[in-house]
Amino acid sequence: MVRALVVTLFAGCLLLTPSTGSAATSPLRLAQMPYVGVSCPEANVTTCGRVGVAVWLSRRGASEVVVSVAGVRARLGPPPRNTSSPSWRTFVHLPLARMGIPAVWDGEPYKVLTLRVLVRYGRHWLG
């Protein structure tokens, strides 16, 4: 069973809440809630469709992290070794206009999405 996080797109970033349980009690044992945010060059502009995704794991030893949001699946890159923020990260392009997000947007109306996170430890996937 793939558990999902309910994602609320608001003011340029996505606010996440697990569909069941909390980040710490999910099978993934996330260190904190994932971050998803619009990452266009200009503030409050969404036309580039570029969205950043970051996931923090509390358990070490993951070999792969995959997310799916708005029908787009992406593999996250592992955290750099020399960082104080050990998050797995990637950027995806989402059809924000087709999703009802205006070209210039200050967070209203907010948008609810589902973020699915899968983490691979050895030969086993958790999610």
C-alpha atoms as a PDB file:
ATOM      1  CA  MET A   1       0.000   0.000   0.000  1.00  0.00           C
ATOM      2  CA  VAL A   2       1.361   3.401  -0.943  1.00  0.00           C
ATOM      3  CA  ARG A   3       0.656   6.024   1.646  1.00  0.00           C
ATOM      4  CA  ALA A   4       0.257   9.562   0.489  1.00  0.00           C
ATOM      5  CA  LEU A   5       0.691  13.015   1.872  1.00  0.00           C
ATOM      6  CA  VAL A   6      -2.005  15.585   1.221  1.00  0.00           C
ATOM      7  CA  VAL A   7      -0.373  18.651  -0.241  1.00  0.00           C
ATOM      8  CA  THR A   8      -1.800  22.159  -0.081  1.00  0.00           C
ATOM      9  CA  LEU A   9      -0.248  24.613  -2.528  1.00  0.00           C
ATOM     10  CA  PHE A  10      -0.324  27.949  -0.736  1.00  0.00           C
ATOM     11  CA  ALA A  11       1.689  31.157  -1.160  1.00  0.00           C
ATOM     12  CA  GLY A  12       4.302  29.580  -3.403  1.00  0.00           C
ATOM     13  CA  CYS A  13       4.984  26.542  -1.283  1.00  0.00           C
ATOM     14  CA  LEU A  14       3.121  23.360  -0.605  1.00  0.00           C
ATOM     15  CA  LEU A  15       1.943  22.615   2.907  1.00  0.00           C
ATOM     16  CA  LEU A  16       1.858  18.902   3.584  1.00  0.00           C
ATOM     17  CA  THR A  17      -0.094  16.725   5.953  1.00  0.00           C
ATOM     18  CA  PRO A  18      -0.053  12.938   5.930  1.00  0.00           C
ATOM     19  CA  SER A  19      -3.268  11.264   4.861  1.00  0.00           C
ATOM     20  CA  THR A  20      -2.860   8.924   7.844  1.00  0.00           C
ATOM     21  CA  GLY A  21      -0.668   9.413  10.907  1.00  0.00           C
ATOM     22  CA  SER A  22       2.209  11.864  11.141  1.00  0.00           C
ATOM     23  CA  ALA A  23       5.579  12.085   9.402  1.00  0.00           C
ATOM     24  CA  ALA A  24       7.265  10.381  12.341  1.00  0.00           C
ATOM     25  CA  THR A  25       4.746   7.525  12.610  1.00  0.00           C
ATOM     26  CA  SER A  26       4.476   6.705   8.903  1.00  0.00           C
ATOM     27  CA  PRO A  27       6.360   3.626   7.645  1.00  0.00           C
ATOM     28  CA  LEU A  28       8.825   6.033   6.021  1.00  0.00           C
ATOM     29  CA  ARG A  29       9.717   7.595   9.390  1.00  0.00           C
ATOM     30  CA  LEU A  30      10.366  10.984   7.872  1.00  0.00           C
ATOM     31  CA  ALA A  31      12.512  13.360   9.932  1.00  0.00           C
ATOM     32  CA  GLN A  32      10.151  16.184   8.964  1.00  0.00           C
ATOM     33  CA  MET A  33       7.378  16.850   6.501  1.00  0.00           C
ATOM     34  CA  PRO A  34       8.498  17.032   2.858  1.00  0.00           C
ATOM     35  CA  TYR A  35       8.852  20.426   1.219  1.00  0.00           C
ATOM     36  CA  VAL A  36       7.380  21.212  -2.174  1.00  0.00           C
ATOM     37  CA  GLY A  37       7.494  24.733  -3.561  1.00  0.00           C
ATOM     38  CA  VAL A  38       7.189  26.674  -6.796  1.00  0.00           C
ATOM     39  CA  SER A  39      10.677  27.656  -7.944  1.00  0.00           C
ATOM     40  CA  CYS A  40      10.310  30.163 -10.794  1.00  0.00           C
ATOM     41  CA  PRO A  41      12.885  32.956 -11.204  1.00  0.00           C
ATOM     42  CA  GLU A  42      10.449  35.749 -10.277  1.00  0.00           C
ATOM     43  CA  ALA A  43       8.583  35.975  -6.979  1.00  0.00           C
ATOM     44  CA  ASN A  44       4.875  35.037  -7.123  1.00  0.00           C
ATOM     45  CA  VAL A  45       5.194  33.908 -10.775  1.00  0.00           C
ATOM     46  CA  THR A  46       4.259  30.313 -11.611  1.00  0.00           C
ATOM     47  CA  THR A  47       4.510  30.260 -15.417  1.00  0.00           C
ATOM     48  CA  CYS A  48       7.773  28.293 -15.497  1.00  0.00           C
ATOM     49  CA  GLY A  49       6.062  25.326 -13.807  1.00  0.00           C
ATOM     50  CA  ARG A  50       9.253  24.442 -11.941  1.00  0.00           C
ATOM     51  CA  VAL A  51       8.581  22.912  -8.535  1.00  0.00           C
ATOM     52  CA  GLY A  52      11.193  21.815  -6.005  1.00  0.00           C
ATOM     53  CA  VAL A  53      10.697  18.740  -3.825  1.00  0.00           C
ATOM     54  CA  ALA A  54      12.731  17.808  -0.727  1.00  0.00           C
ATOM     55  CA  VAL A  55      12.348  14.817   1.606  1.00  0.00           C
ATOM     56  CA  TRP A  56      14.172  14.339   4.933  1.00  0.00           C
ATOM     57  CA  LEU A  57      14.568  10.756   6.139  1.00  0.00           C
ATOM     58  CA  SER A  58      15.209   9.889   9.783  1.00  0.00           C
ATOM     59  CA  ARG A  59      16.580   6.463   8.866  1.00  0.00           C
ATOM     60  CA  ARG A  60      19.961   6.190   7.102  1.00  0.00           C
ATOM     61  CA  GLY A  61      20.813   3.722   4.361  1.00  0.00           C
ATOM     62  CA  ALA A  62      18.219   4.637   1.736  1.00  0.00           C
ATOM     63  CA  SER A  63      19.413   3.927  -1.797  1.00  0.00           C
ATOM     64  CA  GLU A  64      16.587   5.646  -3.670  1.00  0.00           C
ATOM     65  CA  VAL A  65      13.703   8.064  -3.083  1.00  0.00           C
ATOM     66  CA  VAL A  66      10.908   8.466  -5.637  1.00  0.00           C
ATOM     67  CA  VAL A  67       7.975  10.879  -5.475  1.00  0.00           C
ATOM     68  CA  SER A  68       4.817  11.282  -7.494  1.00  0.00           C
ATOM     69  CA  VAL A  69       2.883  14.549  -7.516  1.00  0.00           C
ATOM     70  CA  ALA A  70       0.128  15.614  -9.929  1.00  0.00           C
ATOM     71  CA  GLY A  71       0.835  12.600 -12.134  1.00  0.00           C
ATOM     72  CA  VAL A  72       4.552  13.385 -12.434  1.00  0.00           C
ATOM     73  CA  ARG A  73       6.990  10.820 -11.067  1.00  0.00           C
ATOM     74  CA  ALA A  74      10.554  11.833 -10.187  1.00  0.00           C
ATOM     75  CA  ARG A  75      13.626  10.318  -8.588  1.00  0.00           C
ATOM     76  CA  LEU A  76      15.218  12.505  -5.927  1.00  0.00           C
ATOM     77  CA  GLY A  77      18.966  13.032  -5.681  1.00  0.00           C
ATOM     78  CA  PRO A  78      20.700  11.961  -2.480  1.00  0.00           C
ATOM     79  CA  PRO A  79      21.788  14.565   0.040  1.00  0.00           C
ATOM     80  CA  PRO A  80      25.255  16.057  -0.412  1.00  0.00           C
ATOM     81  CA  ARG A  81      27.738  14.701   2.116  1.00  0.00           C
ATOM     82  CA  ASN A  82      28.837  18.137   3.321  1.00  0.00           C
ATOM     83  CA  THR A  83      25.511  19.708   4.181  1.00  0.00           C
ATOM     84  CA  SER A  84      23.684  20.618   7.360  1.00  0.00           C
ATOM     85  CA  SER A  85      20.352  19.864   5.626  1.00  0.00           C
ATOM     86  CA  PRO A  86      20.466  16.201   4.570  1.00  0.00           C
ATOM     87  CA  SER A  87      17.467  16.194   2.273  1.00  0.00           C
ATOM     88  CA  TRP A  88      16.869  14.189  -0.877  1.00  0.00           C
ATOM     89  CA  ARG A  89      15.955  16.760  -3.578  1.00  0.00           C
ATOM     90  CA  THR A  90      14.752  17.246  -7.129  1.00  0.00           C
ATOM     91  CA  PHE A  91      12.868  19.638  -9.374  1.00  0.00           C
ATOM     92  CA  VAL A  92       9.853  18.674 -11.463  1.00  0.00           C
ATOM     93  CA  HIS A  93       7.822  20.583 -14.021  1.00  0.00           C
ATOM     94  CA  LEU A  94       4.098  20.617 -13.322  1.00  0.00           C
ATOM     95  CA  PRO A  95       1.313  22.010 -15.503  1.00  0.00           C
ATOM     96  CA  LEU A  96       0.463  24.643 -12.904  1.00  0.00           C
ATOM     97  CA  ALA A  97      -1.844  26.632 -15.228  1.00  0.00           C
ATOM     98  CA  ARG A  98      -3.845  23.483 -16.038  1.00  0.00           C
ATOM     99  CA  MET A  99      -3.976  22.763 -12.319  1.00  0.00           C
ATOM    100  CA  GLY A 100      -5.752  26.080 -11.766  1.00  0.00           C
ATOM    101  CA  ILE A 101      -2.764  28.038 -10.456  1.00  0.00           C
ATOM    102  CA  PRO A 102      -2.716  31.567 -11.953  1.00  0.00           C
ATOM    103  CA  ALA A 103       0.406  32.938 -13.695  1.00  0.00           C
ATOM    104  CA  VAL A 104       0.855  35.548 -10.955  1.00  0.00           C
ATOM    105  CA  TRP A 105      -0.138  34.065  -7.631  1.00  0.00           C
ATOM    106  CA  ASP A 106       0.001  35.121  -4.006  1.00  0.00           C
ATOM    107  CA  GLY A 107      -1.271  31.855  -2.558  1.00  0.00           C
ATOM    108  CA  GLU A 108      -5.012  32.320  -3.047  1.00  0.00           C
ATOM    109  CA  PRO A 109      -6.772  30.177  -3.941  1.00  0.00           C
ATOM    110  CA  TYR A 110      -4.765  27.373  -2.376  1.00  0.00           C
ATOM    111  CA  LYS A 111      -4.463  24.042  -4.190  1.00  0.00           C
ATOM    112  CA  VAL A 112      -4.644  20.562  -2.645  1.00  0.00           C
ATOM    113  CA  LEU A 113      -2.497  17.830  -4.230  1.00  0.00           C
ATOM    114  CA  THR A 114      -1.313  14.359  -3.233  1.00  0.00           C
ATOM    115  CA  LEU A 115       2.397  13.621  -2.834  1.00  0.00           C
ATOM    116  CA  ARG A 116       3.406   9.963  -2.813  1.00  0.00           C
ATOM    117  CA  VAL A 117       6.836   9.127  -1.429  1.00  0.00           C
ATOM    118  CA  LEU A 118       8.588   5.771  -1.888  1.00  0.00           C
ATOM    119  CA  VAL A 119      11.928   4.989  -0.253  1.00  0.00           C
ATOM    120  CA  ARG A 120      14.161   2.062  -1.154  1.00  0.00           C
ATOM    121  CA  TYR A 121      16.271   0.341   1.502  1.00  0.00           C
ATOM    122  CA  GLY A 122      18.207  -2.523  -0.057  1.00  0.00           C
ATOM    123  CA  ARG A 123      15.702  -4.570  -2.061  1.00  0.00           C
ATOM    124  CA  HIS A 124      12.684  -3.297  -0.136  1.00  0.00           C
ATOM    125  CA  TRP A 125      10.504  -0.269  -0.870  1.00  0.00           C
ATOM    126  CA  LEU A 126       8.642   1.597   1.871  1.00  0.00           C
ATOM    127  CA  GLY A 127       5.862   4.012   1.150  1.00  0.00           C
END
